[in-house]
Each structure stands twice: as structure tokens, then as C-alpha cells.
Amino acid sequence: MAKIDHAAIRTSSYEDAQKFFEDVFDMHIWREIGEKPSRKCWFREGIQLCEMENINITAENGYDHISIAVDSVEETMEKIKAYPVTPINDHWFSLPDGTKIELKLLENWKVND
């Protein structure tokens, strides 16, 4: 059996991205390396942030989205309103640097989804 260890997200707003994942999803950083402008950090919950100075959000790079299971999709979508993200529908949104995130209800989450 295999499962995803983490999803790496490129960001040009490193501190803002850290705060977003800490505040909205209650994630916890367990490791951080590097110096500005190429810092990296890992959250225990499976997200890695990779700082980059310039990101082409319209370029095709083979990356599609990440899915995060939460206790309440509605409450989480309400929390994101405090951040510069773009809602896509009732359970999808896009971060400022183009990363798309899908929310799933934690009680329906399955390892093989």
C-alpha cells in the first residue's frame, strides 16, 4: 500500500502561505530549511511550501490540485474569505499563486479516494 506523503506548493508569499495553512487548516510546521528567497517548510499534515521569487501561474506544469479533508467544508470556505484566495465553487478555491485546493468532508474521507 502507498499513500501520498505530501503535496509541494510553490509560493512567492511564503509567510502569508504559512499563516494561511496554520490558521485555516490548523496545520503545524515540523521542519523549515533555507533562506529567503528559497525557503521550504513542511507541515505535519502533508503540505510542503517552496518559496520562489517568480511564479508563472498560467504555465502548464503537470500539477493539478491538492485535496484536504476538513471537519466542515462550509466553515472552511467561510474562513478562506479572510485571505486573498479565489473561490471556484462551494468546495474548491485557488491560492494567489494558482494552486487549486479541493475540500472534502473528513467523515467521508477514505484512504483510497
PDB file of N, CA and C in Angstrom:
ATOM      1  N   MET A   1       0.840  -1.179   0.000  1.00  0.00           N
ATOM      2  CA  MET A   1       0.000   0.000   0.000  1.00  0.00           C
ATOM      3  C   MET A   1       0.882   1.238   0.000  1.00  0.00           C
ATOM      4  N   ALA A   2       0.498   2.244  -0.747  1.00  0.00           N
ATOM      5  CA  ALA A   2       1.220   3.512  -0.782  1.00  0.00           C
ATOM      6  C   ALA A   2       0.227   4.642  -0.568  1.00  0.00           C
ATOM      7  N   LYS A   3       0.670   5.730   0.020  1.00  0.00           N
ATOM      8  CA  LYS A   3      -0.165   6.918   0.161  1.00  0.00           C
ATOM      9  C   LYS A   3       0.699   8.148  -0.033  1.00  0.00           C
ATOM     10  N   ILE A   4       0.093   9.245  -0.336  1.00  0.00           N
ATOM     11  CA  ILE A   4       0.835  10.481  -0.572  1.00  0.00           C
ATOM     12  C   ILE A   4       1.453  10.956   0.732  1.00  0.00           C
ATOM     13  N   ASP A   5       2.746  11.283   0.688  1.00  0.00           N
ATOM     14  CA  ASP A   5       3.454  11.806   1.846  1.00  0.00           C
ATOM     15  C   ASP A   5       3.180  13.297   2.021  1.00  0.00           C
ATOM     16  N   HIS A   6       3.270  14.051   0.932  1.00  0.00           N
ATOM     17  CA  HIS A   6       2.980  15.482   0.999  1.00  0.00           C
ATOM     18  C   HIS A   6       2.714  16.032  -0.394  1.00  0.00           C
ATOM     19  N   ALA A   7       2.119  17.207  -0.444  1.00  0.00           N
ATOM     20  CA  ALA A   7       1.946  17.947  -1.692  1.00  0.00           C
ATOM     21  C   ALA A   7       2.777  19.215  -1.578  1.00  0.00           C
ATOM     22  N   ALA A   8       3.659  19.452  -2.537  1.00  0.00           N
ATOM     23  CA  ALA A   8       4.530  20.623  -2.517  1.00  0.00           C
ATOM     24  C   ALA A   8       3.872  21.751  -3.296  1.00  0.00           C
ATOM     25  N   ILE A   9       3.839  22.915  -2.680  1.00  0.00           N
ATOM     26  CA  ILE A   9       3.185  24.088  -3.268  1.00  0.00           C
ATOM     27  C   ILE A   9       4.213  25.202  -3.416  1.00  0.00           C
ATOM     28  N   ARG A  10       4.310  25.740  -4.610  1.00  0.00           N
ATOM     29  CA  ARG A  10       5.192  26.888  -4.831  1.00  0.00           C
ATOM     30  C   ARG A  10       4.465  28.154  -4.415  1.00  0.00           C
ATOM     31  N   THR A  11       5.189  29.069  -3.780  1.00  0.00           N
ATOM     32  CA  THR A  11       4.592  30.329  -3.349  1.00  0.00           C
ATOM     33  C   THR A  11       5.618  31.457  -3.405  1.00  0.00           C
ATOM     34  N   SER A  12       5.156  32.622  -3.789  1.00  0.00           N
ATOM     35  CA  SER A  12       6.001  33.817  -3.742  1.00  0.00           C
ATOM     36  C   SER A  12       5.662  34.654  -2.502  1.00  0.00           C
ATOM     37  N   SER A  13       4.701  34.199  -1.708  1.00  0.00           N
ATOM     38  CA  SER A  13       4.292  34.867  -0.458  1.00  0.00           C
ATOM     39  C   SER A  13       4.432  33.871   0.694  1.00  0.00           C
ATOM     40  N   TYR A  14       5.651  33.552   1.015  1.00  0.00           N
ATOM     41  CA  TYR A  14       5.969  32.464   1.941  1.00  0.00           C
ATOM     42  C   TYR A  14       5.299  32.615   3.313  1.00  0.00           C
ATOM     43  N   GLU A  15       5.503  33.765   3.971  1.00  0.00           N
ATOM     44  CA  GLU A  15       4.929  33.953   5.303  1.00  0.00           C
ATOM     45  C   GLU A  15       3.406  33.930   5.257  1.00  0.00           C
ATOM     46  N   ASP A  16       2.815  34.550   4.238  1.00  0.00           N
ATOM     47  CA  ASP A  16       1.357  34.552   4.101  1.00  0.00           C
ATOM     48  C   ASP A  16       0.829  33.134   3.899  1.00  0.00           C
ATOM     49  N   ALA A  17       1.530  32.331   3.105  1.00  0.00           N
ATOM     50  CA  ALA A  17       1.106  30.955   2.865  1.00  0.00           C
ATOM     51  C   ALA A  17       1.205  30.139   4.152  1.00  0.00           C
ATOM     52  N   GLN A  18       2.259  30.339   4.935  1.00  0.00           N
ATOM     53  CA  GLN A  18       2.374  29.640   6.213  1.00  0.00           C
ATOM     54  C   GLN A  18       1.193  29.979   7.118  1.00  0.00           C
ATOM     55  N   LYS A  19       0.912  31.252   7.242  1.00  0.00           N
ATOM     56  CA  LYS A  19      -0.184  31.703   8.107  1.00  0.00           C
ATOM     57  C   LYS A  19      -1.511  31.135   7.626  1.00  0.00           C
ATOM     58  N   PHE A  20      -1.730  31.111   6.317  1.00  0.00           N
ATOM     59  CA  PHE A  20      -2.961  30.572   5.753  1.00  0.00           C
ATOM     60  C   PHE A  20      -3.174  29.120   6.181  1.00  0.00           C
ATOM     61  N   PHE A  21      -2.179  28.261   5.983  1.00  0.00           N
ATOM     62  CA  PHE A  21      -2.339  26.847   6.322  1.00  0.00           C
ATOM     63  C   PHE A  21      -2.429  26.626   7.836  1.00  0.00           C
ATOM     64  N   GLU A  22      -1.746  27.466   8.616  1.00  0.00           N
ATOM     65  CA  GLU A  22      -1.853  27.365  10.072  1.00  0.00           C
ATOM     66  C   GLU A  22      -3.241  27.797  10.550  1.00  0.00           C
ATOM     67  N   ASP A  23      -3.725  28.936  10.064  1.00  0.00           N
ATOM     68  CA  ASP A  23      -4.997  29.494  10.533  1.00  0.00           C
ATOM     69  C   ASP A  23      -6.221  28.756  10.003  1.00  0.00           C
ATOM     70  N   VAL A  24      -6.247  28.498   8.710  1.00  0.00           N
ATOM     71  CA  VAL A  24      -7.438  27.897   8.105  1.00  0.00           C
ATOM     72  C   VAL A  24      -7.537  26.408   8.403  1.00  0.00           C
ATOM     73  N   PHE A  25      -6.422  25.674   8.319  1.00  0.00           N
ATOM     74  CA  PHE A  25      -6.448  24.219   8.462  1.00  0.00           C
ATOM     75  C   PHE A  25      -5.813  23.712   9.756  1.00  0.00           C
ATOM     76  N   ASP A  26      -5.356  24.617  10.632  1.00  0.00           N
ATOM     77  CA  ASP A  26      -4.734  24.249  11.906  1.00  0.00           C
ATOM     78  C   ASP A  26      -3.563  23.284  11.690  1.00  0.00           C
ATOM     79  N   MET A  27      -2.757  23.551  10.650  1.00  0.00           N
ATOM     80  CA  MET A  27      -1.589  22.727  10.361  1.00  0.00           C
ATOM     81  C   MET A  27      -0.395  23.209  11.178  1.00  0.00           C
ATOM     82  N   HIS A  28       0.574  22.318  11.361  1.00  0.00           N
ATOM     83  CA  HIS A  28       1.719  22.580  12.230  1.00  0.00           C
ATOM     84  C   HIS A  28       3.028  22.310  11.484  1.00  0.00           C
ATOM     85  N   ILE A  29       3.893  23.325  11.436  1.00  0.00           N
ATOM     86  CA  ILE A  29       5.196  23.182  10.780  1.00  0.00           C
ATOM     87  C   ILE A  29       6.091  22.308  11.646  1.00  0.00           C
ATOM     88  N   TRP A  30       6.720  21.314  11.019  1.00  0.00           N
ATOM     89  CA  TRP A  30       7.647  20.464  11.763  1.00  0.00           C
ATOM     90  C   TRP A  30       9.081  20.625  11.282  1.00  0.00           C
ATOM     91  N   ARG A  31       9.274  21.222  10.107  1.00  0.00           N
ATOM     92  CA  ARG A  31      10.629  21.395   9.586  1.00  0.00           C
ATOM     93  C   ARG A  31      10.655  22.611   8.676  1.00  0.00           C
ATOM     94  N   GLU A  32      11.758  23.364   8.745  1.00  0.00           N
ATOM     95  CA  GLU A  32      11.939  24.524   7.868  1.00  0.00           C
ATOM     96  C   GLU A  32      13.418  24.637   7.539  1.00  0.00           C
ATOM     97  N   ILE A  33      13.720  24.860   6.246  1.00  0.00           N
ATOM     98  CA  ILE A  33      15.115  24.976   5.816  1.00  0.00           C
ATOM     99  C   ILE A  33      15.258  26.144   4.845  1.00  0.00           C
ATOM    100  N   GLY A  34      16.498  26.520   4.610  1.00  0.00           N
ATOM    101  CA  GLY A  34      16.816  27.516   3.598  1.00  0.00           C
ATOM    102  C   GLY A  34      16.683  28.943   4.076  1.00  0.00           C
ATOM    103  N   GLU A  35      17.048  29.830   3.165  1.00  0.00           N
ATOM    104  CA  GLU A  35      16.973  31.260   3.433  1.00  0.00           C
ATOM    105  C   GLU A  35      16.259  31.936   2.281  1.00  0.00           C
ATOM    106  N   LYS A  36      15.652  33.088   2.562  1.00  0.00           N
ATOM    107  CA  LYS A  36      14.937  33.866   1.571  1.00  0.00           C
ATOM    108  C   LYS A  36      15.852  34.146   0.397  1.00  0.00           C
ATOM    109  N   PRO A  37      15.477  33.920  -0.799  1.00  0.00           N
ATOM    110  CA  PRO A  37      14.139  33.673  -1.352  1.00  0.00           C
ATOM    111  C   PRO A  37      13.884  32.217  -1.740  1.00  0.00           C
ATOM    112  N   SER A  38      14.508  31.276  -1.051  1.00  0.00           N
ATOM    113  CA  SER A  38      14.284  29.873  -1.428  1.00  0.00           C
ATOM    114  C   SER A  38      14.086  28.993  -0.188  1.00  0.00           C
ATOM    115  N   ARG A  39      13.242  29.482   0.727  1.00  0.00           N
ATOM    116  CA  ARG A  39      12.938  28.713   1.934  1.00  0.00           C
ATOM    117  C   ARG A  39      11.948  27.594   1.618  1.00  0.00           C
ATOM    118  N   LYS A  40      11.954  26.583   2.475  1.00  0.00           N
ATOM    119  CA  LYS A  40      10.992  25.483   2.378  1.00  0.00           C
ATOM    120  C   LYS A  40      10.553  25.119   3.787  1.00  0.00           C
ATOM    121  N   CYS A  41       9.288  24.722   3.911  1.00  0.00           N
ATOM    122  CA  CYS A  41       8.811  24.205   5.183  1.00  0.00           C
ATOM    123  C   CYS A  41       7.845  23.063   4.926  1.00  0.00           C
ATOM    124  N   TRP A  42       7.739  22.200   5.916  1.00  0.00           N
ATOM    125  CA  TRP A  42       6.849  21.042   5.845  1.00  0.00           C
ATOM    126  C   TRP A  42       5.890  21.080   7.022  1.00  0.00           C
ATOM    127  N   PHE A  43       4.625  20.868   6.728  1.00  0.00           N
ATOM    128  CA  PHE A  43       3.616  20.747   7.773  1.00  0.00           C
ATOM    129  C   PHE A  43       3.416  19.262   8.071  1.00  0.00           C
ATOM    130  N   ARG A  44       3.188  18.918   9.329  1.00  0.00           N
ATOM    131  CA  ARG A  44       2.938  17.522   9.712  1.00  0.00           C
ATOM    132  C   ARG A  44       1.778  16.925   8.924  1.00  0.00           C
ATOM    133  N   GLU A  45       0.854  17.761   8.512  1.00  0.00           N
ATOM    134  CA  GLU A  45      -0.359  17.289   7.854  1.00  0.00           C
ATOM    135  C   GLU A  45      -0.193  17.036   6.357  1.00  0.00           C
ATOM    136  N   GLY A  46       1.031  17.159   5.809  1.00  0.00           N
ATOM    137  CA  GLY A  46       1.278  16.740   4.435  1.00  0.00           C
ATOM    138  C   GLY A  46       1.443  17.818   3.393  1.00  0.00           C
ATOM    139  N   ILE A  47       1.572  19.076   3.787  1.00  0.00           N
ATOM    140  CA  ILE A  47       1.798  20.160   2.830  1.00  0.00           C
ATOM    141  C   ILE A  47       3.240  20.640   2.974  1.00  0.00           C
ATOM    142  N   GLN A  48       3.895  20.887   1.847  1.00  0.00           N
ATOM    143  CA  GLN A  48       5.221  21.491   1.826  1.00  0.00           C
ATOM    144  C   GLN A  48       5.104  22.810   1.067  1.00  0.00           C
ATOM    145  N   LEU A  49       5.691  23.870   1.586  1.00  0.00           N
ATOM    146  CA  LEU A  49       5.751  25.150   0.887  1.00  0.00           C
ATOM    147  C   LEU A  49       7.158  25.359   0.352  1.00  0.00           C
ATOM    148  N   CYS A  50       7.257  25.757  -0.916  1.00  0.00           N
ATOM    149  CA  CYS A  50       8.532  26.027  -1.576  1.00  0.00           C
ATOM    150  C   CYS A  50       8.511  27.474  -2.043  1.00  0.00           C
ATOM    151  N   GLU A  51       9.338  28.305  -1.433  1.00  0.00           N
ATOM    152  CA  GLU A  51       9.366  29.723  -1.780  1.00  0.00           C
ATOM    153  C   GLU A  51      10.081  29.932  -3.113  1.00  0.00           C
ATOM    154  N   MET A  52       9.468  30.766  -3.966  1.00  0.00           N
ATOM    155  CA  MET A  52      10.057  31.144  -5.259  1.00  0.00           C
ATOM    156  C   MET A  52       9.789  32.624  -5.471  1.00  0.00           C
ATOM    157  N   GLU A  53      10.725  33.306  -6.097  1.00  0.00           N
ATOM    158  CA  GLU A  53      10.524  34.732  -6.349  1.00  0.00           C
ATOM    159  C   GLU A  53       9.482  34.981  -7.429  1.00  0.00           C
ATOM    160  N   ASN A  54       9.534  34.218  -8.505  1.00  0.00           N
ATOM    161  CA  ASN A  54       8.613  34.427  -9.624  1.00  0.00           C
ATOM    162  C   ASN A  54       7.923  33.122  -9.981  1.00  0.00           C
ATOM    163  N   ILE A  55       6.602  33.194 -10.132  1.00  0.00           N
ATOM    164  CA  ILE A  55       5.827  32.019 -10.491  1.00  0.00           C
ATOM    165  C   ILE A  55       4.925  32.384 -11.662  1.00  0.00           C
ATOM    166  N   ASN A  56       4.964  31.561 -12.700  1.00  0.00           N
ATOM    167  CA  ASN A  56       4.077  31.744 -13.841  1.00  0.00           C
ATOM    168  C   ASN A  56       2.837  30.905 -13.605  1.00  0.00           C
ATOM    169  N   ILE A  57       1.758  31.527 -13.101  1.00  0.00           N
ATOM    170  CA  ILE A  57       0.571  30.762 -12.721  1.00  0.00           C
ATOM    171  C   ILE A  57      -0.247  30.293 -13.915  1.00  0.00           C
ATOM    172  N   THR A  58       0.083  30.754 -15.108  1.00  0.00           N
ATOM    173  CA  THR A  58      -0.660  30.293 -16.286  1.00  0.00           C
ATOM    174  C   THR A  58       0.053  29.154 -17.006  1.00  0.00           C
ATOM    175  N   ALA A  59       1.268  28.832 -16.581  1.00  0.00           N
ATOM    176  CA  ALA A  59       2.039  27.783 -17.262  1.00  0.00           C
ATOM    177  C   ALA A  59       1.514  26.399 -16.900  1.00  0.00           C
ATOM    178  N   GLU A  60       1.536  25.507 -17.844  1.00  0.00           N
ATOM    179  CA  GLU A  60       1.189  24.110 -17.588  1.00  0.00           C
ATOM    180  C   GLU A  60       2.428  23.420 -17.021  1.00  0.00           C
ATOM    181  N   ASN A  61       2.284  22.784 -15.875  1.00  0.00           N
ATOM    182  CA  ASN A  61       3.444  22.137 -15.273  1.00  0.00           C
ATOM    183  C   ASN A  61       3.141  20.720 -14.784  1.00  0.00           C
ATOM    184  N   GLY A  62       2.003  20.160 -15.142  1.00  0.00           N
ATOM    185  CA  GLY A  62       1.657  18.820 -14.719  1.00  0.00           C
ATOM    186  C   GLY A  62       0.997  18.754 -13.359  1.00  0.00           C
ATOM    187  N   TYR A  63       0.922  19.832 -12.642  1.00  0.00           N
ATOM    188  CA  TYR A  63       0.299  19.874 -11.324  1.00  0.00           C
ATOM    189  C   TYR A  63      -1.152  20.286 -11.478  1.00  0.00           C
ATOM    190  N   ASP A  64      -2.063  19.608 -10.807  1.00  0.00           N
ATOM    191  CA  ASP A  64      -3.478  19.963 -10.917  1.00  0.00           C
ATOM    192  C   ASP A  64      -4.025  20.562  -9.634  1.00  0.00           C
ATOM    193  N   HIS A  65      -4.094  19.794  -8.551  1.00  0.00           N
ATOM    194  CA  HIS A  65      -4.652  20.310  -7.308  1.00  0.00           C
ATOM    195  C   HIS A  65      -4.261  19.410  -6.137  1.00  0.00           C
ATOM    196  N   ILE A  66      -4.567  19.910  -4.932  1.00  0.00           N
ATOM    197  CA  ILE A  66      -4.480  19.071  -3.746  1.00  0.00           C
ATOM    198  C   ILE A  66      -5.869  19.016  -3.127  1.00  0.00           C
ATOM    199  N   SER A  67      -6.135  17.957  -2.384  1.00  0.00           N
ATOM    200  CA  SER A  67      -7.407  17.805  -1.694  1.00  0.00           C
ATOM    201  C   SER A  67      -7.123  17.715  -0.205  1.00  0.00           C
ATOM    202  N   ILE A  68      -7.866  18.474   0.590  1.00  0.00           N
ATOM    203  CA  ILE A  68      -7.688  18.482   2.033  1.00  0.00           C
ATOM    204  C   ILE A  68      -9.019  18.109   2.678  1.00  0.00           C
ATOM    205  N   ALA A  69      -8.988  17.104   3.549  1.00  0.00           N
ATOM    206  CA  ALA A  69     -10.189  16.691   4.276  1.00  0.00           C
ATOM    207  C   ALA A  69     -10.334  17.551   5.521  1.00  0.00           C
ATOM    208  N   VAL A  70     -11.541  18.088   5.738  1.00  0.00           N
ATOM    209  CA  VAL A  70     -11.808  19.003   6.851  1.00  0.00           C
ATOM    210  C   VAL A  70     -13.067  18.567   7.598  1.00  0.00           C
ATOM    211  N   ASP A  71     -13.229  19.073   8.823  1.00  0.00           N
ATOM    212  CA  ASP A  71     -14.425  18.763   9.608  1.00  0.00           C
ATOM    213  C   ASP A  71     -15.680  19.380   9.010  1.00  0.00           C
ATOM    214  N   SER A  72     -15.555  20.604   8.477  1.00  0.00           N
ATOM    215  CA  SER A  72     -16.704  21.288   7.879  1.00  0.00           C
ATOM    216  C   SER A  72     -16.253  22.058   6.642  1.00  0.00           C
ATOM    217  N   VAL A  73     -16.749  21.636   5.495  1.00  0.00           N
ATOM    218  CA  VAL A  73     -16.414  22.328   4.248  1.00  0.00           C
ATOM    219  C   VAL A  73     -16.946  23.764   4.305  1.00  0.00           C
ATOM    220  N   GLU A  74     -18.169  23.952   4.785  1.00  0.00           N
ATOM    221  CA  GLU A  74     -18.788  25.277   4.835  1.00  0.00           C
ATOM    222  C   GLU A  74     -17.995  26.234   5.733  1.00  0.00           C
ATOM    223  N   GLU A  75     -17.596  25.760   6.926  1.00  0.00           N
ATOM    224  CA  GLU A  75     -16.831  26.612   7.834  1.00  0.00           C
ATOM    225  C   GLU A  75     -15.460  26.952   7.254  1.00  0.00           C
ATOM    226  N   THR A  76     -14.836  26.000   6.605  1.00  0.00           N
ATOM    227  CA  THR A  76     -13.532  26.252   5.996  1.00  0.00           C
ATOM    228  C   THR A  76     -13.656  27.254   4.860  1.00  0.00           C
ATOM    229  N   MET A  77     -14.684  27.115   4.022  1.00  0.00           N
ATOM    230  CA  MET A  77     -14.893  28.080   2.933  1.00  0.00           C
ATOM    231  C   MET A  77     -15.166  29.480   3.502  1.00  0.00           C
ATOM    232  N   GLU A  78     -15.782  29.554   4.656  1.00  0.00           N
ATOM    233  CA  GLU A  78     -16.013  30.841   5.306  1.00  0.00           C
ATOM    234  C   GLU A  78     -14.689  31.434   5.793  1.00  0.00           C
ATOM    235  N   LYS A  79     -13.815  30.602   6.366  1.00  0.00           N
ATOM    236  CA  LYS A  79     -12.508  31.068   6.858  1.00  0.00           C
ATOM    237  C   LYS A  79     -11.641  31.630   5.738  1.00  0.00           C
ATOM    238  N   ILE A  80     -11.725  31.038   4.541  1.00  0.00           N
ATOM    239  CA  ILE A  80     -10.831  31.496   3.459  1.00  0.00           C
ATOM    240  C   ILE A  80     -11.156  32.909   3.005  1.00  0.00           C
ATOM    241  N   LYS A  81     -12.338  33.419   3.335  1.00  0.00           N
ATOM    242  CA  LYS A  81     -12.728  34.777   2.920  1.00  0.00           C
ATOM    243  C   LYS A  81     -11.811  35.848   3.501  1.00  0.00           C
ATOM    244  N   ALA A  82     -11.088  35.517   4.576  1.00  0.00           N
ATOM    245  CA  ALA A  82     -10.161  36.464   5.197  1.00  0.00           C
ATOM    246  C   ALA A  82      -8.821  36.532   4.461  1.00  0.00           C
ATOM    247  N   TYR A  83      -8.670  35.739   3.409  1.00  0.00           N
ATOM    248  CA  TYR A  83      -7.411  35.642   2.683  1.00  0.00           C
ATOM    249  C   TYR A  83      -7.607  35.963   1.210  1.00  0.00           C
ATOM    250  N   PRO A  84      -6.527  36.343   0.526  1.00  0.00           N
ATOM    251  CA  PRO A  84      -6.641  36.689  -0.906  1.00  0.00           C
ATOM    252  C   PRO A  84      -6.679  35.446  -1.788  1.00  0.00           C
ATOM    253  N   VAL A  85      -7.706  34.633  -1.597  1.00  0.00           N
ATOM    254  CA  VAL A  85      -7.892  33.440  -2.412  1.00  0.00           C
ATOM    255  C   VAL A  85      -9.127  33.630  -3.281  1.00  0.00           C
ATOM    256  N   THR A  86      -9.253  32.803  -4.318  1.00  0.00           N
ATOM    257  CA  THR A  86     -10.370  32.908  -5.245  1.00  0.00           C
ATOM    258  C   THR A  86     -11.254  31.674  -5.132  1.00  0.00           C
ATOM    259  N   PRO A  87     -12.486  31.824  -4.602  1.00  0.00           N
ATOM    260  CA  PRO A  87     -13.399  30.679  -4.581  1.00  0.00           C
ATOM    261  C   PRO A  87     -13.716  30.233  -6.007  1.00  0.00           C
ATOM    262  N   ILE A  88     -13.793  28.931  -6.225  1.00  0.00           N
ATOM    263  CA  ILE A  88     -14.152  28.377  -7.527  1.00  0.00           C
ATOM    264  C   ILE A  88     -15.594  27.875  -7.490  1.00  0.00           C
ATOM    265  N   ASN A  89     -15.944  27.155  -6.430  1.00  0.00           N
ATOM    266  CA  ASN A  89     -17.325  26.732  -6.196  1.00  0.00           C
ATOM    267  C   ASN A  89     -17.486  26.511  -4.695  1.00  0.00           C
ATOM    268  N   ASP A  90     -18.429  25.674  -4.266  1.00  0.00           N
ATOM    269  CA  ASP A  90     -18.686  25.522  -2.832  1.00  0.00           C
ATOM    270  C   ASP A  90     -17.648  24.682  -2.091  1.00  0.00           C
ATOM    271  N   HIS A  91     -16.714  24.043  -2.806  1.00  0.00           N
ATOM    272  CA  HIS A  91     -15.678  23.264  -2.115  1.00  0.00           C
ATOM    273  C   HIS A  91     -14.314  23.291  -2.819  1.00  0.00           C
ATOM    274  N   TRP A  92     -14.135  24.224  -3.720  1.00  0.00           N
ATOM    275  CA  TRP A  92     -12.851  24.426  -4.407  1.00  0.00           C
ATOM    276  C   TRP A  92     -12.480  25.906  -4.329  1.00  0.00           C
ATOM    277  N   PHE A  93     -11.156  26.175  -4.229  1.00  0.00           N
ATOM    278  CA  PHE A  93     -10.662  27.542  -4.322  1.00  0.00           C
ATOM    279  C   PHE A  93      -9.238  27.518  -4.838  1.00  0.00           C
ATOM    280  N   SER A  94      -8.740  28.682  -5.215  1.00  0.00           N
ATOM    281  CA  SER A  94      -7.399  28.821  -5.752  1.00  0.00           C
ATOM    282  C   SER A  94      -6.604  29.804  -4.894  1.00  0.00           C
ATOM    283  N   LEU A  95      -5.368  29.427  -4.559  1.00  0.00           N
ATOM    284  CA  LEU A  95      -4.474  30.330  -3.828  1.00  0.00           C
ATOM    285  C   LEU A  95      -3.947  31.406  -4.776  1.00  0.00           C
ATOM    286  N   PRO A  96      -3.399  32.507  -4.245  1.00  0.00           N
ATOM    287  CA  PRO A  96      -2.917  33.590  -5.111  1.00  0.00           C
ATOM    288  C   PRO A  96      -1.903  33.152  -6.169  1.00  0.00           C
ATOM    289  N   ASP A  97      -1.087  32.140  -5.878  1.00  0.00           N
ATOM    290  CA  ASP A  97      -0.089  31.690  -6.837  1.00  0.00           C
ATOM    291  C   ASP A  97      -0.600  30.594  -7.760  1.00  0.00           C
ATOM    292  N   GLY A  98      -1.931  30.367  -7.778  1.00  0.00           N
ATOM    293  CA  GLY A  98      -2.525  29.460  -8.738  1.00  0.00           C
ATOM    294  C   GLY A  98      -2.812  28.049  -8.260  1.00  0.00           C
ATOM    295  N   THR A  99      -2.379  27.671  -7.057  1.00  0.00           N
ATOM    296  CA  THR A  99      -2.639  26.327  -6.560  1.00  0.00           C
ATOM    297  C   THR A  99      -4.130  26.151  -6.289  1.00  0.00           C
ATOM    298  N   LYS A 100      -4.722  25.110  -6.878  1.00  0.00           N
ATOM    299  CA  LYS A 100      -6.129  24.814  -6.636  1.00  0.00           C
ATOM    300  C   LYS A 100      -6.244  23.826  -5.476  1.00  0.00           C
ATOM    301  N   ILE A 101      -7.213  24.077  -4.589  1.00  0.00           N
ATOM    302  CA  ILE A 101      -7.444  23.201  -3.445  1.00  0.00           C
ATOM    303  C   ILE A 101      -8.897  22.754  -3.439  1.00  0.00           C
ATOM    304  N   GLU A 102      -9.076  21.438  -3.294  1.00  0.00           N
ATOM    305  CA  GLU A 102     -10.403  20.841  -3.161  1.00  0.00           C
ATOM    306  C   GLU A 102     -10.595  20.459  -1.702  1.00  0.00           C
ATOM    307  N   LEU A 103     -11.767  20.764  -1.142  1.00  0.00           N
ATOM    308  CA  LEU A 103     -12.079  20.365   0.224  1.00  0.00           C
ATOM    309  C   LEU A 103     -13.008  19.159   0.201  1.00  0.00           C
ATOM    310  N   LYS A 104     -12.707  18.184   1.062  1.00  0.00           N
ATOM    311  CA  LYS A 104     -13.557  17.005   1.234  1.00  0.00           C
ATOM    312  C   LYS A 104     -13.959  16.941   2.693  1.00  0.00           C
ATOM    313  N   LEU A 105     -15.136  16.388   2.953  1.00  0.00           N
ATOM    314  CA  LEU A 105     -15.599  16.218   4.318  1.00  0.00           C
ATOM    315  C   LEU A 105     -14.820  15.092   4.978  1.00  0.00           C
ATOM    316  N   LEU A 106     -14.228  15.372   6.122  1.00  0.00           N
ATOM    317  CA  LEU A 106     -13.364  14.413   6.812  1.00  0.00           C
ATOM    318  C   LEU A 106     -14.084  13.102   7.110  1.00  0.00           C
ATOM    319  N   GLU A 107     -15.335  13.182   7.497  1.00  0.00           N
ATOM    320  CA  GLU A 107     -16.056  11.934   7.828  1.00  0.00           C
ATOM    321  C   GLU A 107     -16.273  11.049   6.626  1.00  0.00           C
ATOM    322  N   ASN A 108     -16.186  11.591   5.406  1.00  0.00           N
ATOM    323  CA  ASN A 108     -16.328  10.797   4.184  1.00  0.00           C
ATOM    324  C   ASN A 108     -14.992  10.408   3.579  1.00  0.00           C
ATOM    325  N   TRP A 109     -13.886  10.856   4.200  1.00  0.00           N
ATOM    326  CA  TRP A 109     -12.558  10.628   3.639  1.00  0.00           C
ATOM    327  C   TRP A 109     -12.198   9.157   3.726  1.00  0.00           C
ATOM    328  N   LYS A 110     -11.643   8.653   2.633  1.00  0.00           N
ATOM    329  CA  LYS A 110     -11.190   7.267   2.586  1.00  0.00           C
ATOM    330  C   LYS A 110      -9.771   7.264   2.066  1.00  0.00           C
ATOM    331  N   VAL A 111      -8.966   6.322   2.534  1.00  0.00           N
ATOM    332  CA  VAL A 111      -7.577   6.223   2.113  1.00  0.00           C
ATOM    333  C   VAL A 111      -7.472   6.017   0.613  1.00  0.00           C
ATOM    334  N   ASN A 112      -8.430   5.333  -0.010  1.00  0.00           N
ATOM    335  CA  ASN A 112      -8.328   5.036  -1.436  1.00  0.00           C
ATOM    336  C   ASN A 112      -9.030   6.054  -2.313  1.00  0.00           C
ATOM    337  N   ASP A 113      -9.448   7.222  -1.782  1.00  0.00           N
ATOM    338  CA  ASP A 113     -10.076   8.258  -2.622  1.00  0.00           C
ATOM    339  C   ASP A 113      -9.081   8.878  -3.563  1.00  0.00           C
TER     340      ASP A 113
END
